[in-house]
């Protein structure tokens, strides 16, 4: 079972700089060209499945606008208990 991850974008901080889009090794982040943030930027969003929760996007984000989550596989949870 592949590791699943997802991101949350804080639109108050995202400036649509595209750094996270270019840094994503899975190529699943895009800028939402149909939506503007309160400050007038096109925010990043998870545009496809395949995020592994590697957090490279959050590391390169100069505004700390991304929060990354990673699903823990059920096998690991049972082994740790």
C-alpha atoms as a PDB file:
ATOM      1  CA  UNK A   1       0.000   0.000   0.000  1.00  0.00           C
ATOM      2  CA  UNK A   2       1.547   3.337  -1.023  1.00  0.00           C
ATOM      3  CA  UNK A   3       1.869   6.099   1.539  1.00  0.00           C
ATOM      4  CA  UNK A   4      -0.782   8.782   1.132  1.00  0.00           C
ATOM      5  CA  UNK A   5      -0.381  12.409   1.981  1.00  0.00           C
ATOM      6  CA  UNK A   6      -2.186  15.693   1.470  1.00  0.00           C
ATOM      7  CA  UNK A   7      -1.633  19.385   1.962  1.00  0.00           C
ATOM      8  CA  UNK A   8      -3.591  22.274   3.368  1.00  0.00           C
ATOM      9  CA  UNK A   9      -2.859  25.737   2.030  1.00  0.00           C
ATOM     10  CA  UNK A  10      -3.354  28.798   4.223  1.00  0.00           C
ATOM     11  CA  UNK A  11      -4.673  31.294   1.677  1.00  0.00           C
ATOM     12  CA  UNK A  12      -3.837  34.243   3.937  1.00  0.00           C
ATOM     13  CA  UNK A  13      -0.140  33.486   3.398  1.00  0.00           C
ATOM     14  CA  UNK A  14       0.087  31.796  -0.029  1.00  0.00           C
ATOM     15  CA  UNK A  15       1.377  34.241  -2.656  1.00  0.00           C
ATOM     16  CA  UNK A  16       1.211  31.842  -5.603  1.00  0.00           C
ATOM     17  CA  UNK A  17       4.987  31.951  -6.028  1.00  0.00           C
ATOM     18  CA  UNK A  18       5.030  28.500  -7.699  1.00  0.00           C
ATOM     19  CA  UNK A  19       8.003  27.238  -5.659  1.00  0.00           C
ATOM     20  CA  UNK A  20       6.005  24.350  -4.192  1.00  0.00           C
ATOM     21  CA  UNK A  21       4.694  23.401  -7.647  1.00  0.00           C
ATOM     22  CA  UNK A  22       8.231  23.186  -9.027  1.00  0.00           C
ATOM     23  CA  UNK A  23       9.603  21.363  -5.966  1.00  0.00           C
ATOM     24  CA  UNK A  24       6.965  18.620  -5.790  1.00  0.00           C
ATOM     25  CA  UNK A  25       8.611  15.337  -6.857  1.00  0.00           C
ATOM     26  CA  UNK A  26       5.192  13.754  -7.470  1.00  0.00           C
ATOM     27  CA  UNK A  27       4.025  16.719  -9.600  1.00  0.00           C
ATOM     28  CA  UNK A  28       0.631  16.865  -7.871  1.00  0.00           C
ATOM     29  CA  UNK A  29       0.550  20.543  -6.817  1.00  0.00           C
ATOM     30  CA  UNK A  30      -0.704  23.297  -9.113  1.00  0.00           C
ATOM     31  CA  UNK A  31      -1.805  26.890  -8.853  1.00  0.00           C
ATOM     32  CA  UNK A  32      -5.565  27.394  -8.865  1.00  0.00           C
ATOM     33  CA  UNK A  33      -5.963  29.805 -11.759  1.00  0.00           C
ATOM     34  CA  UNK A  34      -9.724  30.030 -11.234  1.00  0.00           C
ATOM     35  CA  UNK A  35      -9.527  31.242  -7.638  1.00  0.00           C
ATOM     36  CA  UNK A  36      -7.938  34.242  -5.924  1.00  0.00           C
ATOM     37  CA  UNK A  37      -6.890  34.568  -2.303  1.00  0.00           C
ATOM     38  CA  UNK A  38      -8.040  37.585  -0.248  1.00  0.00           C
ATOM     39  CA  UNK A  39      -4.751  39.247  -1.238  1.00  0.00           C
ATOM     40  CA  UNK A  40      -5.298  38.591  -4.958  1.00  0.00           C
ATOM     41  CA  UNK A  41      -2.971  35.635  -5.588  1.00  0.00           C
ATOM     42  CA  UNK A  42      -3.675  32.291  -7.240  1.00  0.00           C
ATOM     43  CA  UNK A  43      -3.126  29.780  -4.399  1.00  0.00           C
ATOM     44  CA  UNK A  44      -1.495  26.378  -4.603  1.00  0.00           C
ATOM     45  CA  UNK A  45      -3.648  23.280  -4.273  1.00  0.00           C
ATOM     46  CA  UNK A  46      -3.375  19.514  -4.544  1.00  0.00           C
ATOM     47  CA  UNK A  47      -4.412  18.961  -8.163  1.00  0.00           C
ATOM     48  CA  UNK A  48      -3.997  15.189  -8.426  1.00  0.00           C
ATOM     49  CA  UNK A  49      -3.655  12.053  -6.343  1.00  0.00           C
ATOM     50  CA  UNK A  50      -0.215  10.750  -5.566  1.00  0.00           C
ATOM     51  CA  UNK A  51       0.969  12.988  -2.736  1.00  0.00           C
ATOM     52  CA  UNK A  52       3.240  11.022  -0.400  1.00  0.00           C
ATOM     53  CA  UNK A  53       3.454  13.671   2.316  1.00  0.00           C
ATOM     54  CA  UNK A  54       7.191  14.182   1.750  1.00  0.00           C
ATOM     55  CA  UNK A  55       6.828  17.858   2.843  1.00  0.00           C
ATOM     56  CA  UNK A  56       9.312  19.240   0.321  1.00  0.00           C
ATOM     57  CA  UNK A  57       6.651  21.767  -0.691  1.00  0.00           C
ATOM     58  CA  UNK A  58       6.363  23.039   2.881  1.00  0.00           C
ATOM     59  CA  UNK A  59      10.129  23.281   3.239  1.00  0.00           C
ATOM     60  CA  UNK A  60      10.542  25.481   0.152  1.00  0.00           C
ATOM     61  CA  UNK A  61       7.523  27.691   0.902  1.00  0.00           C
ATOM     62  CA  UNK A  62       8.899  31.094   1.932  1.00  0.00           C
ATOM     63  CA  UNK A  63       5.626  32.059   3.612  1.00  0.00           C
ATOM     64  CA  UNK A  64       5.054  28.801   5.566  1.00  0.00           C
ATOM     65  CA  UNK A  65       1.631  28.601   3.936  1.00  0.00           C
ATOM     66  CA  UNK A  66       1.561  24.806   3.595  1.00  0.00           C
ATOM     67  CA  UNK A  67       0.759  22.155   6.162  1.00  0.00           C
ATOM     68  CA  UNK A  68       1.519  18.594   5.084  1.00  0.00           C
ATOM     69  CA  UNK A  69      -0.182  15.495   6.420  1.00  0.00           C
ATOM     70  CA  UNK A  70       0.842  11.874   5.963  1.00  0.00           C
ATOM     71  CA  UNK A  71      -1.384   8.856   6.481  1.00  0.00           C
ATOM     72  CA  UNK A  72       0.238   6.145   8.591  1.00  0.00           C
ATOM     73  CA  UNK A  73      -0.238   2.700   7.029  1.00  0.00           C
ATOM     74  CA  UNK A  74      -2.353   0.338   9.154  1.00  0.00           C
ATOM     75  CA  UNK A  75       0.495  -2.207   9.298  1.00  0.00           C
ATOM     76  CA  UNK A  76       2.739   0.264  11.130  1.00  0.00           C
ATOM     77  CA  UNK A  77       0.043   1.226  13.621  1.00  0.00           C
ATOM     78  CA  UNK A  78      -0.567  -2.426  14.577  1.00  0.00           C
ATOM     79  CA  UNK A  79       3.176  -3.164  14.846  1.00  0.00           C
ATOM     80  CA  UNK A  80       3.760  -0.199  17.173  1.00  0.00           C
ATOM     81  CA  UNK A  81       0.980  -1.222  19.568  1.00  0.00           C
END
